[in-house]
Amino acid sequence: MSWRILAACAFFVLLPACGFQPIYATQEGSAPVIRQVEVVSIAAPESLVSTLTDALNARMPPQRGVEQRYALYLQTRERAERLAVQIDATVTRYNYRLIGRYTVLDRETGERFRGVARAVTSYNIVSSQYSTLFAERKAVEKAAQQLSEEIERDLLIRFAEPPENRSDLDPEQLDAEFDDSVILVDPRRGEVIKPLDDDQ
């Protein structure tokens, strides 16, 4: 047996002694920690709440029949940015940005930690209003999926750490990354989203 194989075996034997656990690991008789997260509240435009709820539950399906240990609270902001403008100032493509600020509460210990996740998609503006609305809706759905994936990855990383080592973003940093002044708080569904000017 080569020294590389012996070294690899020793590495994996010693890992648990260092406190490392795989992020999808389970304790005996319990569900994976990511399935112990309940989406309690989503602050978002009404038409976006169900889309985000479905996307989050698809990434983090809750364990059935028991109270989830962790409660997830999410706030969102939306923004539309002009991506392609013709010579006559007609906008033909938009970037759609979705930002989520989340808080996770450990119901057993009272511990809380927070973070920010982001998603960016795009859609075209065409002559057919129906096609434009359909493309916008698909962009929103894709952004919700991306945001949910980023939140899941962030939670998995944090859950893999000992509770005392889970870092929390500084409140000023959270506010800076979630700046209402540059975000469309409640864009009107069924219409082309208009971008904000830099001085608004």
N, C-alpha and C. Protein backbone atom coordinates (compact mmCIF):
# COMPACT_ATOMS: atom_id res chain seq x y z
N MET A 1 0.85 -1.19 0.00
CA MET A 1 0.00 0.00 0.00
C MET A 1 0.89 1.25 0.00
N SER A 2 0.60 2.18 -0.88
CA SER A 2 1.46 3.36 -1.01
C SER A 2 1.25 4.31 0.17
N TRP A 3 2.24 5.19 0.35
CA TRP A 3 2.14 6.16 1.45
C TRP A 3 1.00 7.14 1.24
N ARG A 4 0.61 7.39 -0.04
CA ARG A 4 -0.50 8.31 -0.30
C ARG A 4 -1.81 7.74 0.22
N ILE A 5 -2.02 6.44 0.02
CA ILE A 5 -3.25 5.81 0.50
C ILE A 5 -3.29 5.83 2.02
N LEU A 6 -2.13 5.51 2.65
CA LEU A 6 -2.06 5.53 4.11
C LEU A 6 -2.35 6.93 4.66
N ALA A 7 -1.79 7.95 3.99
CA ALA A 7 -2.01 9.32 4.43
C ALA A 7 -3.47 9.73 4.30
N ALA A 8 -4.11 9.32 3.19
CA ALA A 8 -5.52 9.64 2.99
C ALA A 8 -6.39 8.98 4.04
N CYS A 9 -6.09 7.72 4.37
CA CYS A 9 -6.86 7.01 5.39
C CYS A 9 -6.73 7.71 6.74
N ALA A 10 -5.50 8.10 7.07
CA ALA A 10 -5.28 8.78 8.34
C ALA A 10 -6.01 10.11 8.39
N PHE A 11 -6.06 10.82 7.25
CA PHE A 11 -6.73 12.12 7.18
C PHE A 11 -8.21 11.99 7.51
N PHE A 12 -8.88 11.01 6.89
CA PHE A 12 -10.31 10.87 7.10
C PHE A 12 -10.64 10.30 8.48
N VAL A 13 -9.71 9.52 9.05
CA VAL A 13 -9.92 9.02 10.41
C VAL A 13 -9.84 10.15 11.42
N LEU A 14 -8.91 11.08 11.20
CA LEU A 14 -8.68 12.15 12.16
C LEU A 14 -9.63 13.34 12.00
N LEU A 15 -10.31 13.45 10.85
CA LEU A 15 -11.18 14.60 10.63
C LEU A 15 -12.25 14.78 11.70
N PRO A 16 -12.99 13.73 12.08
CA PRO A 16 -14.02 13.92 13.11
C PRO A 16 -13.46 14.43 14.42
N ALA A 17 -12.23 14.04 14.75
CA ALA A 17 -11.62 14.49 16.00
C ALA A 17 -11.37 15.99 15.99
N CYS A 18 -11.31 16.58 14.80
CA CYS A 18 -11.09 18.03 14.69
C CYS A 18 -12.40 18.81 14.75
N GLY A 19 -13.52 18.09 14.87
CA GLY A 19 -14.81 18.76 14.93
C GLY A 19 -15.45 19.00 13.59
N PHE A 20 -14.82 18.51 12.51
CA PHE A 20 -15.37 18.69 11.16
C PHE A 20 -16.49 17.70 10.92
N GLN A 21 -17.59 18.18 10.33
CA GLN A 21 -18.69 17.32 9.93
C GLN A 21 -19.10 17.68 8.51
N PRO A 22 -19.39 16.68 7.66
CA PRO A 22 -19.89 17.00 6.32
C PRO A 22 -21.17 17.81 6.44
N ILE A 23 -21.39 18.74 5.50
CA ILE A 23 -22.52 19.65 5.63
C ILE A 23 -23.86 18.95 5.47
N TYR A 24 -23.90 17.77 4.89
CA TYR A 24 -25.16 17.04 4.78
C TYR A 24 -25.25 15.92 5.81
N ALA A 25 -24.35 15.92 6.80
CA ALA A 25 -24.34 14.86 7.80
C ALA A 25 -25.58 14.94 8.67
N THR A 26 -25.99 13.80 9.23
CA THR A 26 -27.13 13.74 10.13
C THR A 26 -26.71 13.09 11.43
N GLN A 27 -27.38 13.49 12.50
CA GLN A 27 -27.22 12.79 13.75
C GLN A 27 -28.18 11.62 13.76
N GLU A 28 -27.89 10.62 14.58
CA GLU A 28 -28.70 9.41 14.60
C GLU A 28 -30.14 9.78 14.94
N GLY A 29 -31.07 9.34 14.09
CA GLY A 29 -32.49 9.58 14.33
C GLY A 29 -32.97 10.96 13.95
N SER A 30 -32.14 11.78 13.32
CA SER A 30 -32.54 13.14 12.97
C SER A 30 -32.39 13.36 11.48
N ALA A 31 -33.09 14.39 10.97
CA ALA A 31 -33.00 14.74 9.56
C ALA A 31 -31.79 15.62 9.33
N PRO A 32 -31.31 15.71 8.06
CA PRO A 32 -30.23 16.65 7.77
C PRO A 32 -30.60 18.04 8.27
N VAL A 33 -29.61 18.77 8.75
CA VAL A 33 -29.89 20.05 9.39
C VAL A 33 -30.59 21.01 8.44
N ILE A 34 -30.31 20.92 7.14
CA ILE A 34 -30.93 21.84 6.19
C ILE A 34 -32.43 21.57 6.07
N ARG A 35 -32.88 20.37 6.46
CA ARG A 35 -34.31 20.05 6.44
C ARG A 35 -34.99 20.44 7.75
N GLN A 36 -34.24 21.03 8.65
CA GLN A 36 -34.80 21.50 9.91
C GLN A 36 -35.03 23.01 9.90
N VAL A 37 -35.11 23.56 8.68
CA VAL A 37 -35.32 25.01 8.51
C VAL A 37 -36.74 25.24 8.02
N GLU A 38 -37.47 26.09 8.73
CA GLU A 38 -38.83 26.45 8.33
C GLU A 38 -38.85 27.89 7.83
N VAL A 39 -39.41 28.09 6.65
CA VAL A 39 -39.58 29.45 6.12
C VAL A 39 -40.79 30.06 6.81
N VAL A 40 -40.54 30.97 7.74
CA VAL A 40 -41.60 31.53 8.57
C VAL A 40 -42.21 32.77 7.94
N SER A 41 -41.37 33.64 7.39
CA SER A 41 -41.88 34.92 6.89
C SER A 41 -41.04 35.39 5.71
N ILE A 42 -41.73 35.88 4.67
CA ILE A 42 -41.07 36.48 3.51
C ILE A 42 -41.70 37.85 3.28
N ALA A 43 -40.91 38.89 3.45
CA ALA A 43 -41.38 40.25 3.19
C ALA A 43 -41.04 40.59 1.75
N ALA A 44 -42.05 40.57 0.90
CA ALA A 44 -41.85 40.78 -0.54
C ALA A 44 -43.20 41.14 -1.15
N PRO A 45 -43.21 41.68 -2.38
CA PRO A 45 -44.48 41.88 -3.07
C PRO A 45 -45.27 40.58 -3.12
N GLU A 46 -46.59 40.68 -3.03
CA GLU A 46 -47.44 39.50 -2.91
C GLU A 46 -47.18 38.47 -4.00
N SER A 47 -46.99 38.93 -5.22
CA SER A 47 -46.80 38.00 -6.33
C SER A 47 -45.46 37.27 -6.26
N LEU A 48 -44.53 37.79 -5.46
CA LEU A 48 -43.21 37.17 -5.34
C LEU A 48 -43.12 36.19 -4.17
N VAL A 49 -44.01 36.35 -3.18
CA VAL A 49 -43.93 35.53 -1.97
C VAL A 49 -44.07 34.04 -2.29
N SER A 50 -45.09 33.68 -3.07
CA SER A 50 -45.31 32.26 -3.37
C SER A 50 -44.17 31.69 -4.20
N THR A 51 -43.62 32.49 -5.12
CA THR A 51 -42.51 32.03 -5.94
C THR A 51 -41.29 31.73 -5.08
N LEU A 52 -40.98 32.63 -4.15
CA LEU A 52 -39.84 32.43 -3.25
C LEU A 52 -40.09 31.27 -2.29
N THR A 53 -41.31 31.15 -1.80
CA THR A 53 -41.63 30.05 -0.88
C THR A 53 -41.42 28.71 -1.56
N ASP A 54 -41.92 28.58 -2.79
CA ASP A 54 -41.74 27.32 -3.53
C ASP A 54 -40.27 27.04 -3.79
N ALA A 55 -39.51 28.07 -4.16
CA ALA A 55 -38.10 27.88 -4.47
C ALA A 55 -37.31 27.47 -3.23
N LEU A 56 -37.59 28.10 -2.09
CA LEU A 56 -36.88 27.77 -0.85
C LEU A 56 -37.24 26.37 -0.37
N ASN A 57 -38.51 26.01 -0.45
CA ASN A 57 -38.92 24.68 -0.01
C ASN A 57 -38.39 23.58 -0.93
N ALA A 58 -38.17 23.92 -2.20
CA ALA A 58 -37.57 22.94 -3.11
C ALA A 58 -36.11 22.68 -2.76
N ARG A 59 -35.40 23.74 -2.35
CA ARG A 59 -33.99 23.58 -1.97
C ARG A 59 -33.84 23.01 -0.57
N MET A 60 -34.74 23.38 0.33
CA MET A 60 -34.65 22.96 1.73
C MET A 60 -35.98 22.37 2.18
N PRO A 61 -36.35 21.19 1.65
CA PRO A 61 -37.66 20.62 2.00
C PRO A 61 -37.75 20.34 3.49
N PRO A 62 -38.76 20.88 4.18
CA PRO A 62 -38.84 20.71 5.63
C PRO A 62 -39.18 19.28 6.02
N GLN A 63 -38.69 18.88 7.18
CA GLN A 63 -39.01 17.57 7.73
C GLN A 63 -40.48 17.56 8.13
N ARG A 64 -41.20 16.52 7.77
CA ARG A 64 -42.63 16.47 8.02
C ARG A 64 -42.93 15.96 9.42
N GLY A 65 -44.02 16.49 10.00
CA GLY A 65 -44.53 15.94 11.25
C GLY A 65 -43.84 16.41 12.52
N VAL A 66 -42.86 17.30 12.41
CA VAL A 66 -42.17 17.79 13.59
C VAL A 66 -41.96 19.30 13.45
N GLU A 67 -41.76 19.96 14.59
CA GLU A 67 -41.45 21.38 14.54
C GLU A 67 -40.00 21.56 14.13
N GLN A 68 -39.77 22.42 13.16
CA GLN A 68 -38.41 22.64 12.69
C GLN A 68 -37.61 23.43 13.73
N ARG A 69 -36.36 23.07 13.87
CA ARG A 69 -35.52 23.73 14.87
C ARG A 69 -35.21 25.18 14.49
N TYR A 70 -35.03 25.43 13.19
CA TYR A 70 -34.59 26.76 12.75
C TYR A 70 -35.73 27.48 12.02
N ALA A 71 -35.88 28.76 12.32
CA ALA A 71 -36.87 29.61 11.66
C ALA A 71 -36.14 30.60 10.75
N LEU A 72 -36.58 30.69 9.50
CA LEU A 72 -35.96 31.57 8.51
C LEU A 72 -36.90 32.73 8.20
N TYR A 73 -36.39 33.95 8.36
CA TYR A 73 -37.13 35.17 8.03
C TYR A 73 -36.38 35.86 6.89
N LEU A 74 -37.12 36.27 5.86
CA LEU A 74 -36.49 36.82 4.67
C LEU A 74 -37.15 38.13 4.26
N GLN A 75 -36.33 39.14 4.00
CA GLN A 75 -36.76 40.40 3.40
C GLN A 75 -36.15 40.49 2.00
N THR A 76 -36.90 41.02 1.05
CA THR A 76 -36.37 41.12 -0.30
C THR A 76 -36.54 42.53 -0.86
N ARG A 77 -35.68 42.85 -1.80
CA ARG A 77 -35.79 44.07 -2.59
C ARG A 77 -35.53 43.70 -4.05
N GLU A 78 -36.16 44.44 -4.96
CA GLU A 78 -36.03 44.18 -6.39
C GLU A 78 -35.51 45.44 -7.09
N ARG A 79 -34.83 45.18 -8.18
CA ARG A 79 -34.35 46.31 -8.99
C ARG A 79 -34.30 45.88 -10.45
N ALA A 80 -34.66 46.79 -11.34
CA ALA A 80 -34.55 46.56 -12.78
C ALA A 80 -33.58 47.58 -13.36
N GLU A 81 -32.64 47.11 -14.17
CA GLU A 81 -31.62 47.98 -14.75
C GLU A 81 -31.63 47.86 -16.27
N ARG A 82 -31.53 48.98 -16.93
CA ARG A 82 -31.45 48.96 -18.40
C ARG A 82 -30.14 48.32 -18.83
N LEU A 83 -30.25 47.32 -19.68
CA LEU A 83 -29.07 46.59 -20.11
C LEU A 83 -28.74 46.86 -21.57
N ALA A 84 -29.76 47.05 -22.39
CA ALA A 84 -29.55 47.32 -23.82
C ALA A 84 -30.49 48.45 -24.25
N VAL A 85 -29.90 49.52 -24.78
CA VAL A 85 -30.68 50.69 -25.19
C VAL A 85 -30.35 51.01 -26.64
N GLN A 86 -31.39 51.16 -27.47
CA GLN A 86 -31.18 51.48 -28.88
C GLN A 86 -30.91 52.97 -29.05
N ILE A 87 -30.58 53.35 -30.28
CA ILE A 87 -30.26 54.75 -30.57
C ILE A 87 -31.44 55.67 -30.23
N ASP A 88 -32.67 55.19 -30.44
CA ASP A 88 -33.85 56.02 -30.15
C ASP A 88 -34.25 55.97 -28.68
N ALA A 89 -33.35 55.46 -27.82
CA ALA A 89 -33.56 55.39 -26.36
C ALA A 89 -34.54 54.29 -25.94
N THR A 90 -34.92 53.45 -26.88
CA THR A 90 -35.79 52.33 -26.53
C THR A 90 -34.99 51.25 -25.80
N VAL A 91 -35.51 50.83 -24.67
CA VAL A 91 -34.85 49.77 -23.90
C VAL A 91 -35.29 48.42 -24.43
N THR A 92 -34.34 47.56 -24.77
CA THR A 92 -34.68 46.25 -25.32
C THR A 92 -34.33 45.09 -24.39
N ARG A 93 -33.61 45.37 -23.32
CA ARG A 93 -33.24 44.29 -22.40
C ARG A 93 -33.02 44.87 -21.00
N TYR A 94 -33.49 44.14 -20.01
CA TYR A 94 -33.34 44.55 -18.62
C TYR A 94 -32.60 43.49 -17.82
N ASN A 95 -31.83 43.95 -16.85
CA ASN A 95 -31.34 43.09 -15.79
C ASN A 95 -32.33 43.16 -14.63
N TYR A 96 -32.66 42.02 -14.08
CA TYR A 96 -33.53 41.97 -12.90
C TYR A 96 -32.69 41.49 -11.73
N ARG A 97 -32.61 42.31 -10.69
CA ARG A 97 -31.82 41.97 -9.50
C ARG A 97 -32.75 41.72 -8.32
N LEU A 98 -32.46 40.65 -7.61
CA LEU A 98 -33.22 40.30 -6.42
C LEU A 98 -32.24 40.15 -5.26
N ILE A 99 -32.47 40.91 -4.20
CA ILE A 99 -31.60 40.87 -3.03
C ILE A 99 -32.43 40.41 -1.84
N GLY A 100 -31.89 39.48 -1.07
CA GLY A 100 -32.59 38.98 0.11
C GLY A 100 -31.73 39.11 1.35
N ARG A 101 -32.30 39.68 2.40
CA ARG A 101 -31.63 39.75 3.70
C ARG A 101 -32.36 38.78 4.63
N TYR A 102 -31.64 37.80 5.13
CA TYR A 102 -32.31 36.76 5.92
C TYR A 102 -31.80 36.74 7.36
N THR A 103 -32.66 36.26 8.24
CA THR A 103 -32.33 36.01 9.64
C THR A 103 -32.73 34.58 9.96
N VAL A 104 -31.85 33.84 10.61
CA VAL A 104 -32.13 32.47 11.04
C VAL A 104 -32.13 32.44 12.56
N LEU A 105 -33.21 31.91 13.14
CA LEU A 105 -33.34 31.78 14.59
C LEU A 105 -33.29 30.31 14.98
N ASP A 106 -32.39 29.97 15.90
CA ASP A 106 -32.34 28.63 16.48
C ASP A 106 -33.34 28.60 17.63
N ARG A 107 -34.43 27.88 17.46
CA ARG A 107 -35.49 27.87 18.47
C ARG A 107 -35.08 27.18 19.76
N GLU A 108 -34.04 26.36 19.70
CA GLU A 108 -33.60 25.67 20.91
C GLU A 108 -32.68 26.53 21.76
N THR A 109 -31.82 27.30 21.13
CA THR A 109 -30.82 28.07 21.87
C THR A 109 -31.07 29.57 21.87
N GLY A 110 -31.94 30.05 20.96
CA GLY A 110 -32.16 31.48 20.82
C GLY A 110 -31.11 32.18 19.98
N GLU A 111 -30.14 31.43 19.47
CA GLU A 111 -29.09 32.01 18.63
C GLU A 111 -29.68 32.53 17.33
N ARG A 112 -29.17 33.67 16.88
CA ARG A 112 -29.58 34.25 15.60
C ARG A 112 -28.34 34.58 14.77
N PHE A 113 -28.46 34.42 13.47
CA PHE A 113 -27.44 34.93 12.57
C PHE A 113 -28.11 35.41 11.30
N ARG A 114 -27.44 36.34 10.63
CA ARG A 114 -28.03 37.00 9.46
C ARG A 114 -27.08 36.98 8.28
N GLY A 115 -27.63 37.22 7.12
CA GLY A 115 -26.82 37.27 5.92
C GLY A 115 -27.58 37.90 4.78
N VAL A 116 -26.88 38.10 3.67
CA VAL A 116 -27.47 38.70 2.47
C VAL A 116 -27.17 37.80 1.28
N ALA A 117 -28.17 37.56 0.44
CA ALA A 117 -28.00 36.77 -0.78
C ALA A 117 -28.48 37.61 -1.96
N ARG A 118 -27.95 37.30 -3.14
CA ARG A 118 -28.26 38.08 -4.34
C ARG A 118 -28.47 37.17 -5.54
N ALA A 119 -29.26 37.67 -6.49
CA ALA A 119 -29.48 36.95 -7.74
C ALA A 119 -29.67 37.98 -8.85
N VAL A 120 -29.19 37.65 -10.05
CA VAL A 120 -29.33 38.53 -11.21
C VAL A 120 -29.76 37.70 -12.41
N THR A 121 -30.82 38.11 -13.06
CA THR A 121 -31.25 37.50 -14.32
C THR A 121 -31.55 38.62 -15.31
N SER A 122 -31.95 38.27 -16.51
CA SER A 122 -32.25 39.29 -17.51
C SER A 122 -33.38 38.82 -18.41
N TYR A 123 -34.02 39.78 -19.08
CA TYR A 123 -35.09 39.44 -20.01
C TYR A 123 -35.17 40.51 -21.09
N ASN A 124 -35.71 40.12 -22.24
CA ASN A 124 -35.82 41.01 -23.40
C ASN A 124 -37.17 41.70 -23.44
N ILE A 125 -37.18 42.91 -23.97
CA ILE A 125 -38.41 43.64 -24.24
C ILE A 125 -38.69 43.52 -25.74
N VAL A 126 -39.80 42.90 -26.09
CA VAL A 126 -40.14 42.68 -27.50
C VAL A 126 -41.46 43.37 -27.82
N SER A 127 -41.84 43.32 -29.09
CA SER A 127 -43.05 44.03 -29.52
C SER A 127 -44.32 43.42 -28.93
N SER A 128 -44.29 42.13 -28.66
CA SER A 128 -45.45 41.47 -28.08
C SER A 128 -45.47 41.67 -26.57
N GLN A 129 -46.52 42.30 -26.07
CA GLN A 129 -46.61 42.53 -24.63
C GLN A 129 -46.68 41.21 -23.87
N TYR A 130 -47.43 40.25 -24.41
CA TYR A 130 -47.55 38.96 -23.75
C TYR A 130 -46.18 38.29 -23.62
N SER A 131 -45.41 38.31 -24.70
CA SER A 131 -44.08 37.68 -24.67
C SER A 131 -43.17 38.38 -23.68
N THR A 132 -43.28 39.71 -23.60
CA THR A 132 -42.45 40.46 -22.65
C THR A 132 -42.82 40.10 -21.21
N LEU A 133 -44.12 40.04 -20.92
CA LEU A 133 -44.56 39.70 -19.57
C LEU A 133 -44.15 38.28 -19.20
N PHE A 134 -44.23 37.38 -20.18
CA PHE A 134 -43.83 35.99 -19.93
C PHE A 134 -42.33 35.93 -19.63
N ALA A 135 -41.54 36.66 -20.40
CA ALA A 135 -40.09 36.67 -20.19
C ALA A 135 -39.75 37.28 -18.83
N GLU A 136 -40.46 38.35 -18.47
CA GLU A 136 -40.23 38.97 -17.16
C GLU A 136 -40.53 37.99 -16.04
N ARG A 137 -41.65 37.29 -16.18
CA ARG A 137 -42.05 36.33 -15.13
C ARG A 137 -41.01 35.23 -15.00
N LYS A 138 -40.51 34.73 -16.12
CA LYS A 138 -39.49 33.68 -16.08
C LYS A 138 -38.20 34.20 -15.43
N ALA A 139 -37.86 35.46 -15.69
CA ALA A 139 -36.67 36.04 -15.08
C ALA A 139 -36.82 36.12 -13.57
N VAL A 140 -38.02 36.48 -13.11
CA VAL A 140 -38.29 36.55 -11.67
C VAL A 140 -38.19 35.17 -11.05
N GLU A 141 -38.77 34.16 -11.70
CA GLU A 141 -38.72 32.80 -11.17
C GLU A 141 -37.29 32.29 -11.10
N LYS A 142 -36.51 32.56 -12.13
CA LYS A 142 -35.11 32.13 -12.14
C LYS A 142 -34.32 32.82 -11.04
N ALA A 143 -34.59 34.11 -10.83
CA ALA A 143 -33.90 34.84 -9.76
C ALA A 143 -34.26 34.27 -8.39
N ALA A 144 -35.52 33.91 -8.21
CA ALA A 144 -35.95 33.31 -6.94
C ALA A 144 -35.22 31.99 -6.69
N GLN A 145 -35.06 31.20 -7.74
CA GLN A 145 -34.32 29.94 -7.61
C GLN A 145 -32.86 30.19 -7.26
N GLN A 146 -32.24 31.16 -7.94
CA GLN A 146 -30.84 31.49 -7.66
C GLN A 146 -30.67 31.98 -6.23
N LEU A 147 -31.58 32.84 -5.78
CA LEU A 147 -31.50 33.37 -4.42
C LEU A 147 -31.63 32.24 -3.41
N SER A 148 -32.54 31.32 -3.66
CA SER A 148 -32.74 30.19 -2.74
C SER A 148 -31.50 29.30 -2.68
N GLU A 149 -30.87 29.08 -3.83
CA GLU A 149 -29.65 28.27 -3.86
C GLU A 149 -28.54 28.94 -3.07
N GLU A 150 -28.41 30.27 -3.20
CA GLU A 150 -27.36 30.97 -2.46
C GLU A 150 -27.62 30.93 -0.96
N ILE A 151 -28.88 31.10 -0.56
CA ILE A 151 -29.21 31.02 0.87
C ILE A 151 -28.92 29.62 1.39
N GLU A 152 -29.28 28.59 0.62
CA GLU A 152 -29.00 27.22 1.05
C GLU A 152 -27.50 26.99 1.24
N ARG A 153 -26.69 27.43 0.27
CA ARG A 153 -25.24 27.25 0.38
C ARG A 153 -24.69 27.96 1.62
N ASP A 154 -25.18 29.18 1.83
CA ASP A 154 -24.71 29.95 2.99
C ASP A 154 -25.06 29.25 4.29
N LEU A 155 -26.29 28.74 4.40
CA LEU A 155 -26.71 28.06 5.62
C LEU A 155 -25.93 26.78 5.84
N LEU A 156 -25.68 26.03 4.78
CA LEU A 156 -24.91 24.80 4.91
C LEU A 156 -23.52 25.07 5.46
N ILE A 157 -22.90 26.13 4.96
CA ILE A 157 -21.56 26.49 5.44
C ILE A 157 -21.61 26.87 6.92
N ARG A 158 -22.61 27.65 7.29
CA ARG A 158 -22.70 28.10 8.68
C ARG A 158 -23.07 26.96 9.62
N PHE A 159 -23.96 26.09 9.18
CA PHE A 159 -24.35 24.97 10.04
C PHE A 159 -23.19 23.99 10.24
N ALA A 160 -22.25 23.97 9.31
CA ALA A 160 -21.10 23.07 9.45
C ALA A 160 -20.11 23.58 10.50
N GLU A 161 -20.26 24.83 10.92
CA GLU A 161 -19.38 25.41 11.92
C GLU A 161 -19.98 25.24 13.32
N PRO A 162 -19.16 25.20 14.36
CA PRO A 162 -19.69 25.23 15.72
C PRO A 162 -20.49 26.51 15.93
N PRO A 163 -21.59 26.47 16.70
CA PRO A 163 -22.43 27.67 16.88
C PRO A 163 -21.66 28.90 17.30
N GLU A 164 -20.65 28.71 18.17
CA GLU A 164 -19.91 29.87 18.66
C GLU A 164 -19.04 30.52 17.59
N ASN A 165 -18.82 29.80 16.48
CA ASN A 165 -17.97 30.32 15.41
C ASN A 165 -18.76 30.89 14.23
N ARG A 166 -20.08 30.83 14.30
CA ARG A 166 -20.90 31.32 13.20
C ARG A 166 -20.88 32.85 13.20
N SER A 167 -20.32 33.39 12.15
CA SER A 167 -20.17 34.84 12.08
C SER A 167 -21.48 35.49 11.64
N ASP A 168 -21.70 36.70 12.12
CA ASP A 168 -22.87 37.48 11.75
C ASP A 168 -22.40 38.76 11.09
N LEU A 169 -23.08 39.17 10.04
CA LEU A 169 -22.69 40.40 9.37
C LEU A 169 -22.93 41.59 10.29
N ASP A 170 -22.05 42.56 10.22
CA ASP A 170 -22.21 43.79 10.97
C ASP A 170 -23.48 44.50 10.50
N PRO A 171 -24.29 45.07 11.44
CA PRO A 171 -25.53 45.75 11.03
C PRO A 171 -25.32 46.81 9.96
N GLU A 172 -24.23 47.57 10.05
CA GLU A 172 -23.97 48.60 9.05
C GLU A 172 -23.70 47.97 7.68
N GLN A 173 -23.02 46.82 7.68
CA GLN A 173 -22.75 46.13 6.42
C GLN A 173 -24.04 45.60 5.83
N LEU A 174 -24.93 45.06 6.69
CA LEU A 174 -26.22 44.58 6.22
C LEU A 174 -27.02 45.70 5.57
N ASP A 175 -27.05 46.85 6.22
CA ASP A 175 -27.81 47.98 5.69
C ASP A 175 -27.21 48.47 4.38
N ALA A 176 -25.88 48.49 4.30
CA ALA A 176 -25.22 48.97 3.08
C ALA A 176 -25.52 48.05 1.90
N GLU A 177 -25.61 46.74 2.16
CA GLU A 177 -25.85 45.79 1.08
C GLU A 177 -27.34 45.66 0.76
N PHE A 178 -28.16 46.34 1.53
CA PHE A 178 -29.62 46.23 1.37
C PHE A 178 -30.21 47.63 1.31
N ASP A 179 -29.59 48.49 0.51
CA ASP A 179 -29.90 49.91 0.46
C ASP A 179 -31.22 50.16 -0.26
N ASP A 180 -32.22 50.64 0.47
CA ASP A 180 -33.53 50.90 -0.12
C ASP A 180 -33.48 51.99 -1.18
N SER A 181 -32.52 52.89 -1.11
CA SER A 181 -32.51 54.04 -2.00
C SER A 181 -32.26 53.65 -3.45
N VAL A 182 -31.71 52.47 -3.69
CA VAL A 182 -31.42 52.07 -5.06
C VAL A 182 -32.22 50.85 -5.49
N ILE A 183 -33.23 50.49 -4.69
CA ILE A 183 -34.00 49.29 -4.98
C ILE A 183 -35.46 49.65 -5.22
N LEU A 184 -36.05 49.03 -6.23
CA LEU A 184 -37.49 49.17 -6.44
C LEU A 184 -38.20 48.32 -5.40
N VAL A 185 -38.89 48.97 -4.47
CA VAL A 185 -39.49 48.25 -3.36
C VAL A 185 -40.66 47.39 -3.82
N ASP A 186 -41.50 47.93 -4.68
CA ASP A 186 -42.71 47.20 -5.07
C ASP A 186 -43.01 47.44 -6.54
N PRO A 187 -42.24 46.84 -7.43
CA PRO A 187 -42.50 47.04 -8.86
C PRO A 187 -43.87 46.50 -9.25
N ARG A 188 -44.51 47.14 -10.19
CA ARG A 188 -45.85 46.75 -10.59
C ARG A 188 -45.78 45.57 -11.55
N ARG A 189 -46.43 44.49 -11.17
CA ARG A 189 -46.47 43.33 -12.04
C ARG A 189 -47.41 43.61 -13.22
N GLY A 190 -47.12 43.01 -14.34
CA GLY A 190 -47.95 43.20 -15.50
C GLY A 190 -47.53 44.39 -16.34
N GLU A 191 -46.48 45.08 -15.92
CA GLU A 191 -45.96 46.20 -16.69
C GLU A 191 -44.45 46.07 -16.76
N VAL A 192 -43.88 46.69 -17.76
CA VAL A 192 -42.42 46.71 -17.87
C VAL A 192 -41.86 47.49 -16.69
N ILE A 193 -40.91 46.92 -15.96
CA ILE A 193 -40.33 47.60 -14.81
C ILE A 193 -39.44 48.74 -15.30
N LYS A 194 -39.64 49.90 -14.76
CA LYS A 194 -38.84 51.07 -15.13
C LYS A 194 -37.64 51.18 -14.20
N PRO A 195 -36.46 51.49 -14.72
CA PRO A 195 -35.28 51.59 -13.87
C PRO A 195 -35.26 52.90 -13.10
N LEU A 196 -34.57 52.90 -11.97
CA LEU A 196 -34.37 54.12 -11.21
C LEU A 196 -33.21 54.91 -11.79
N ASP A 197 -33.32 56.23 -11.77
CA ASP A 197 -32.21 57.08 -12.15
C ASP A 197 -31.20 57.13 -11.02
N ASP A 198 -29.98 57.47 -11.32
CA ASP A 198 -28.93 57.49 -10.31
C ASP A 198 -29.20 58.48 -9.20
N ASP A 199 -29.92 59.57 -9.50
CA ASP A 199 -30.15 60.59 -8.49
C ASP A 199 -31.43 60.38 -7.70
N GLN A 200 -32.14 59.26 -7.91
CA GLN A 200 -33.36 58.99 -7.17
C GLN A 200 -33.04 58.26 -5.89
